[in-house]
Each structure stands twice: as C-alpha cells, then as structure tokens.
Amino acid sequence: MTNSISGSSRNRGDILSDQSSKTSKTENTSASGVKNIASSKSNADTVNITSEASKIRELQSSLANTPDIDLAKVESIKNEIANGNYPIDHERIASNLIDLEKALS
C-alpha cells in the first residue's frame, strides 16, 4: 500500500505564525507540587512533573554519586580477620562456591 505525498494546504505564513506562538511558554507550580509547563495557546502540549518524580530524580543522582563499595566496612572486616575476631564458615563458603559453579554451567 502506498500513500501519495502532496503539498500542505497551509501557506508558509500560517506555519511560521504557529511556530512563533508555540515558543511563548510559561511555567506554573500548583499547590500539589505539580509543575505545569504550557503554551499561551489553549491547544498546546503540557508537561506535568509530580513531586514524587522529582524525588526519584534526586535519589537517582545521589545513588550515581555513591560508591559501590563501602571501603570503611571492608577495612573493618579485614582488621577483624587479621585479629582472629571474625568468624569464617569454611563449609558455607565452599557450599556457595559449588552452587555458583553449578549455576554458571
């Protein structure tokens, strides 16, 4: 199935005036914490960002700046092992290694 492409019935002046009217946007925040960005025209698109979405964005950025490994905890455990104060369950470690090997094969 093919569709023919024909010229628009609108003239260039109408298109340019539509584009210029869409550029005048305002931003309002309602009492519920929702930001509304809307054009001055009644048929314009709007974007609503809830306060929960803003919180999620903040959490994502703070997690991106958090290191994956807690180096202080690693050092603490190393010291406990070196002093003989950290209990090591050799049977559990061996069992988990075997389970991991089975899962990978």
N, C-alpha and C. Protein backbone atom coordinates (compact mmCIF):
# COMPACT_ATOMS: atom_id res chain seq x y z
N MET A 1 0.85 -1.18 0.00
CA MET A 1 0.00 0.00 0.00
C MET A 1 0.89 1.24 0.00
N THR A 2 0.58 2.18 -0.83
CA THR A 2 1.37 3.41 -0.89
C THR A 2 0.48 4.61 -0.69
N ASN A 3 1.04 5.62 -0.11
CA ASN A 3 0.33 6.89 0.06
C ASN A 3 1.07 7.95 -0.72
N SER A 4 0.31 8.75 -1.41
CA SER A 4 0.97 9.83 -2.14
C SER A 4 1.19 11.00 -1.19
N ILE A 5 2.28 11.69 -1.40
CA ILE A 5 2.61 12.85 -0.59
C ILE A 5 2.30 14.08 -1.41
N SER A 6 1.48 14.91 -0.85
CA SER A 6 1.13 16.13 -1.56
C SER A 6 1.47 17.32 -0.68
N GLY A 7 1.52 18.47 -1.25
CA GLY A 7 1.83 19.68 -0.52
C GLY A 7 0.74 20.00 0.49
N SER A 8 1.09 20.74 1.49
CA SER A 8 0.15 21.14 2.52
C SER A 8 -0.78 22.21 1.98
N SER A 9 -1.99 22.25 2.49
CA SER A 9 -2.92 23.28 2.07
C SER A 9 -2.66 24.58 2.82
N ARG A 10 -1.79 24.55 3.81
CA ARG A 10 -1.47 25.75 4.58
C ARG A 10 -0.33 26.49 3.91
N ASN A 11 -0.36 27.80 3.98
CA ASN A 11 0.73 28.55 3.39
C ASN A 11 1.83 28.78 4.41
N ARG A 12 2.95 29.23 3.96
CA ARG A 12 4.15 29.38 4.79
C ARG A 12 3.93 30.36 5.93
N GLY A 13 3.17 31.40 5.73
CA GLY A 13 2.89 32.39 6.77
C GLY A 13 2.13 31.79 7.94
N ASP A 14 1.16 30.90 7.64
CA ASP A 14 0.40 30.26 8.72
C ASP A 14 1.31 29.35 9.55
N ILE A 15 2.18 28.63 8.90
CA ILE A 15 3.08 27.72 9.60
C ILE A 15 4.04 28.49 10.48
N LEU A 16 4.60 29.59 9.97
CA LEU A 16 5.53 30.39 10.77
C LEU A 16 4.84 31.03 11.97
N SER A 17 3.61 31.47 11.81
CA SER A 17 2.91 32.09 12.94
C SER A 17 2.59 31.05 14.00
N ASP A 18 2.28 29.81 13.58
CA ASP A 18 2.04 28.75 14.55
C ASP A 18 3.30 28.45 15.34
N GLN A 19 4.45 28.40 14.68
CA GLN A 19 5.71 28.09 15.35
C GLN A 19 6.09 29.18 16.33
N SER A 20 5.89 30.43 15.98
CA SER A 20 6.26 31.51 16.89
C SER A 20 5.33 31.56 18.09
N SER A 21 4.07 31.18 17.93
CA SER A 21 3.15 31.20 19.07
C SER A 21 3.45 30.07 20.04
N LYS A 22 4.06 28.99 19.58
CA LYS A 22 4.38 27.88 20.46
C LYS A 22 5.61 28.14 21.31
N THR A 23 6.38 29.15 21.00
CA THR A 23 7.60 29.41 21.75
C THR A 23 7.37 30.20 23.02
N SER A 24 6.23 30.82 23.19
CA SER A 24 5.98 31.60 24.40
C SER A 24 5.34 30.69 25.43
N LYS A 25 6.16 30.07 26.28
CA LYS A 25 5.69 29.12 27.27
C LYS A 25 5.87 29.69 28.66
N THR A 26 5.00 29.29 29.56
CA THR A 26 5.09 29.71 30.95
C THR A 26 5.14 28.48 31.83
N GLU A 27 5.69 28.63 33.04
CA GLU A 27 5.80 27.51 33.98
C GLU A 27 5.12 27.92 35.27
N ASN A 28 4.18 27.11 35.72
CA ASN A 28 3.46 27.36 36.96
C ASN A 28 3.58 26.13 37.85
N THR A 29 3.61 26.34 39.16
CA THR A 29 3.60 25.24 40.10
C THR A 29 2.32 25.31 40.90
N SER A 30 1.57 24.22 40.90
CA SER A 30 0.31 24.20 41.62
C SER A 30 0.56 23.89 43.09
N ALA A 31 -0.47 23.97 43.90
CA ALA A 31 -0.35 23.72 45.34
C ALA A 31 0.05 22.28 45.63
N SER A 32 -0.25 21.35 44.75
CA SER A 32 0.09 19.94 44.98
C SER A 32 1.53 19.62 44.59
N GLY A 33 2.30 20.61 44.19
CA GLY A 33 3.70 20.37 43.83
C GLY A 33 3.89 19.93 42.40
N VAL A 34 2.88 20.05 41.55
CA VAL A 34 2.98 19.63 40.16
C VAL A 34 3.34 20.84 39.32
N LYS A 35 4.41 20.71 38.52
CA LYS A 35 4.81 21.79 37.64
C LYS A 35 4.06 21.67 36.33
N ASN A 36 3.47 22.74 35.90
CA ASN A 36 2.76 22.78 34.62
C ASN A 36 3.51 23.71 33.69
N ILE A 37 3.92 23.18 32.55
CA ILE A 37 4.57 23.98 31.53
C ILE A 37 3.62 23.99 30.35
N ALA A 38 3.12 25.16 30.02
CA ALA A 38 2.11 25.23 28.97
C ALA A 38 2.34 26.44 28.10
N SER A 39 1.90 26.34 26.90
CA SER A 39 1.96 27.46 25.97
C SER A 39 0.80 28.40 26.25
N SER A 40 0.90 29.59 25.74
CA SER A 40 -0.18 30.55 25.94
C SER A 40 -1.40 30.18 25.10
N LYS A 41 -1.25 29.33 24.11
CA LYS A 41 -2.38 28.88 23.30
C LYS A 41 -3.12 27.76 24.03
N SER A 42 -4.40 27.64 23.82
CA SER A 42 -5.21 26.64 24.52
C SER A 42 -4.97 25.23 24.00
N ASN A 43 -4.46 25.05 22.79
CA ASN A 43 -4.27 23.74 22.22
C ASN A 43 -2.83 23.25 22.34
N ALA A 44 -2.06 23.81 23.28
CA ALA A 44 -0.65 23.46 23.41
C ALA A 44 -0.48 22.23 24.28
N ASP A 45 0.67 21.59 24.15
CA ASP A 45 1.01 20.44 24.97
C ASP A 45 1.40 20.90 26.36
N THR A 46 1.16 20.04 27.35
CA THR A 46 1.56 20.35 28.72
C THR A 46 2.39 19.20 29.27
N VAL A 47 3.26 19.52 30.22
CA VAL A 47 4.07 18.52 30.89
C VAL A 47 3.84 18.67 32.38
N ASN A 48 3.49 17.57 33.04
CA ASN A 48 3.28 17.58 34.47
C ASN A 48 4.34 16.71 35.14
N ILE A 49 5.09 17.29 36.05
CA ILE A 49 6.11 16.55 36.79
C ILE A 49 5.68 16.56 38.25
N THR A 50 5.39 15.38 38.77
CA THR A 50 4.93 15.29 40.15
C THR A 50 6.11 15.43 41.10
N SER A 51 5.80 15.71 42.35
CA SER A 51 6.86 15.83 43.35
C SER A 51 7.55 14.49 43.56
N GLU A 52 6.82 13.37 43.38
CA GLU A 52 7.43 12.05 43.51
C GLU A 52 8.47 11.82 42.41
N ALA A 53 8.17 12.25 41.21
CA ALA A 53 9.12 12.11 40.11
C ALA A 53 10.38 12.94 40.37
N SER A 54 10.20 14.11 40.94
CA SER A 54 11.35 14.94 41.28
C SER A 54 12.21 14.28 42.35
N LYS A 55 11.56 13.66 43.33
CA LYS A 55 12.30 12.95 44.39
C LYS A 55 13.06 11.76 43.81
N ILE A 56 12.43 11.04 42.89
CA ILE A 56 13.09 9.90 42.26
C ILE A 56 14.32 10.36 41.49
N ARG A 57 14.21 11.47 40.78
CA ARG A 57 15.35 12.01 40.04
C ARG A 57 16.49 12.38 40.99
N GLU A 58 16.15 12.99 42.13
CA GLU A 58 17.17 13.35 43.12
C GLU A 58 17.85 12.10 43.69
N LEU A 59 17.06 11.06 43.99
CA LEU A 59 17.62 9.82 44.51
C LEU A 59 18.53 9.15 43.50
N GLN A 60 18.14 9.16 42.24
CA GLN A 60 18.98 8.56 41.20
C GLN A 60 20.32 9.27 41.10
N SER A 61 20.31 10.59 41.18
CA SER A 61 21.57 11.32 41.08
C SER A 61 22.43 11.10 42.32
N SER A 62 21.81 10.99 43.50
CA SER A 62 22.61 10.75 44.70
C SER A 62 23.18 9.33 44.69
N LEU A 63 22.43 8.36 44.16
CA LEU A 63 22.95 7.00 44.05
C LEU A 63 24.09 6.92 43.04
N ALA A 64 24.01 7.70 42.00
CA ALA A 64 25.08 7.71 41.00
C ALA A 64 26.39 8.22 41.60
N ASN A 65 26.29 9.08 42.62
CA ASN A 65 27.49 9.63 43.26
C ASN A 65 27.96 8.81 44.45
N THR A 66 27.24 7.74 44.81
CA THR A 66 27.60 6.89 45.94
C THR A 66 28.51 5.77 45.45
N PRO A 67 29.61 5.51 46.15
CA PRO A 67 30.49 4.42 45.72
C PRO A 67 29.81 3.06 45.89
N ASP A 68 30.19 2.10 45.05
CA ASP A 68 29.61 0.76 45.09
C ASP A 68 30.10 -0.04 46.30
N ILE A 69 31.28 0.26 46.80
CA ILE A 69 31.89 -0.48 47.89
C ILE A 69 32.12 0.45 49.07
N ASP A 70 31.72 -0.01 50.26
CA ASP A 70 31.95 0.74 51.48
C ASP A 70 33.36 0.39 51.98
N LEU A 71 34.33 1.22 51.63
CA LEU A 71 35.73 0.93 51.95
C LEU A 71 35.98 0.88 53.45
N ALA A 72 35.26 1.66 54.23
CA ALA A 72 35.43 1.62 55.69
C ALA A 72 35.01 0.27 56.24
N LYS A 73 33.92 -0.28 55.72
CA LYS A 73 33.46 -1.59 56.18
C LYS A 73 34.44 -2.68 55.76
N VAL A 74 34.98 -2.58 54.56
CA VAL A 74 35.95 -3.56 54.08
C VAL A 74 37.19 -3.55 54.98
N GLU A 75 37.67 -2.37 55.31
CA GLU A 75 38.84 -2.27 56.21
C GLU A 75 38.54 -2.83 57.58
N SER A 76 37.34 -2.57 58.08
CA SER A 76 36.94 -3.09 59.39
C SER A 76 36.94 -4.62 59.39
N ILE A 77 36.39 -5.22 58.36
CA ILE A 77 36.36 -6.68 58.27
C ILE A 77 37.76 -7.24 58.10
N LYS A 78 38.59 -6.58 57.32
CA LYS A 78 39.99 -7.02 57.16
C LYS A 78 40.70 -7.04 58.51
N ASN A 79 40.50 -5.99 59.30
CA ASN A 79 41.13 -5.93 60.63
C ASN A 79 40.61 -7.02 61.55
N GLU A 80 39.31 -7.28 61.50
CA GLU A 80 38.73 -8.34 62.33
C GLU A 80 39.30 -9.70 61.94
N ILE A 81 39.45 -9.96 60.65
CA ILE A 81 40.03 -11.23 60.18
C ILE A 81 41.48 -11.33 60.63
N ALA A 82 42.25 -10.25 60.48
CA ALA A 82 43.66 -10.26 60.87
C ALA A 82 43.82 -10.49 62.37
N ASN A 83 42.91 -9.99 63.19
CA ASN A 83 42.98 -10.16 64.64
C ASN A 83 42.37 -11.47 65.12
N GLY A 84 41.75 -12.23 64.19
CA GLY A 84 41.14 -13.51 64.56
C GLY A 84 39.77 -13.35 65.21
N ASN A 85 39.14 -12.22 65.06
CA ASN A 85 37.84 -11.96 65.69
C ASN A 85 36.66 -12.13 64.73
N TYR A 86 36.91 -12.46 63.49
CA TYR A 86 35.83 -12.58 62.50
C TYR A 86 35.61 -14.06 62.22
N PRO A 87 34.41 -14.56 62.53
CA PRO A 87 34.16 -15.99 62.30
C PRO A 87 34.02 -16.30 60.80
N ILE A 88 34.76 -17.26 60.33
CA ILE A 88 34.70 -17.67 58.92
C ILE A 88 34.14 -19.08 58.87
N ASP A 89 33.04 -19.24 58.15
CA ASP A 89 32.39 -20.55 58.00
C ASP A 89 32.87 -21.15 56.68
N HIS A 90 33.90 -21.97 56.78
CA HIS A 90 34.52 -22.55 55.58
C HIS A 90 33.53 -23.45 54.82
N GLU A 91 32.70 -24.18 55.55
CA GLU A 91 31.72 -25.07 54.91
C GLU A 91 30.72 -24.25 54.07
N ARG A 92 30.26 -23.14 54.63
CA ARG A 92 29.29 -22.29 53.92
C ARG A 92 29.92 -21.67 52.68
N ILE A 93 31.14 -21.22 52.79
CA ILE A 93 31.85 -20.63 51.65
C ILE A 93 32.00 -21.66 50.54
N ALA A 94 32.43 -22.88 50.91
CA ALA A 94 32.62 -23.94 49.91
C ALA A 94 31.29 -24.30 49.26
N SER A 95 30.23 -24.38 50.04
CA SER A 95 28.92 -24.72 49.51
C SER A 95 28.44 -23.65 48.52
N ASN A 96 28.63 -22.41 48.88
CA ASN A 96 28.22 -21.32 47.98
C ASN A 96 29.04 -21.29 46.71
N LEU A 97 30.33 -21.59 46.79
CA LEU A 97 31.16 -21.65 45.58
C LEU A 97 30.69 -22.78 44.66
N ILE A 98 30.35 -23.91 45.25
CA ILE A 98 29.86 -25.03 44.43
C ILE A 98 28.53 -24.68 43.77
N ASP A 99 27.62 -24.03 44.54
CA ASP A 99 26.33 -23.61 43.97
C ASP A 99 26.54 -22.61 42.83
N LEU A 100 27.47 -21.70 43.00
CA LEU A 100 27.77 -20.71 41.96
C LEU A 100 28.31 -21.40 40.70
N GLU A 101 29.19 -22.34 40.90
CA GLU A 101 29.77 -23.07 39.76
C GLU A 101 28.68 -23.84 39.01
N LYS A 102 27.75 -24.44 39.75
CA LYS A 102 26.65 -25.17 39.11
C LYS A 102 25.74 -24.22 38.32
N ALA A 103 25.51 -23.04 38.88
CA ALA A 103 24.64 -22.07 38.22
C ALA A 103 25.27 -21.54 36.94
N LEU A 104 26.58 -21.44 36.92
CA LEU A 104 27.28 -20.91 35.73
C LEU A 104 27.40 -21.94 34.62
N SER A 105 27.29 -23.22 34.95
CA SER A 105 27.47 -24.24 33.90
C SER A 105 26.18 -24.76 33.36
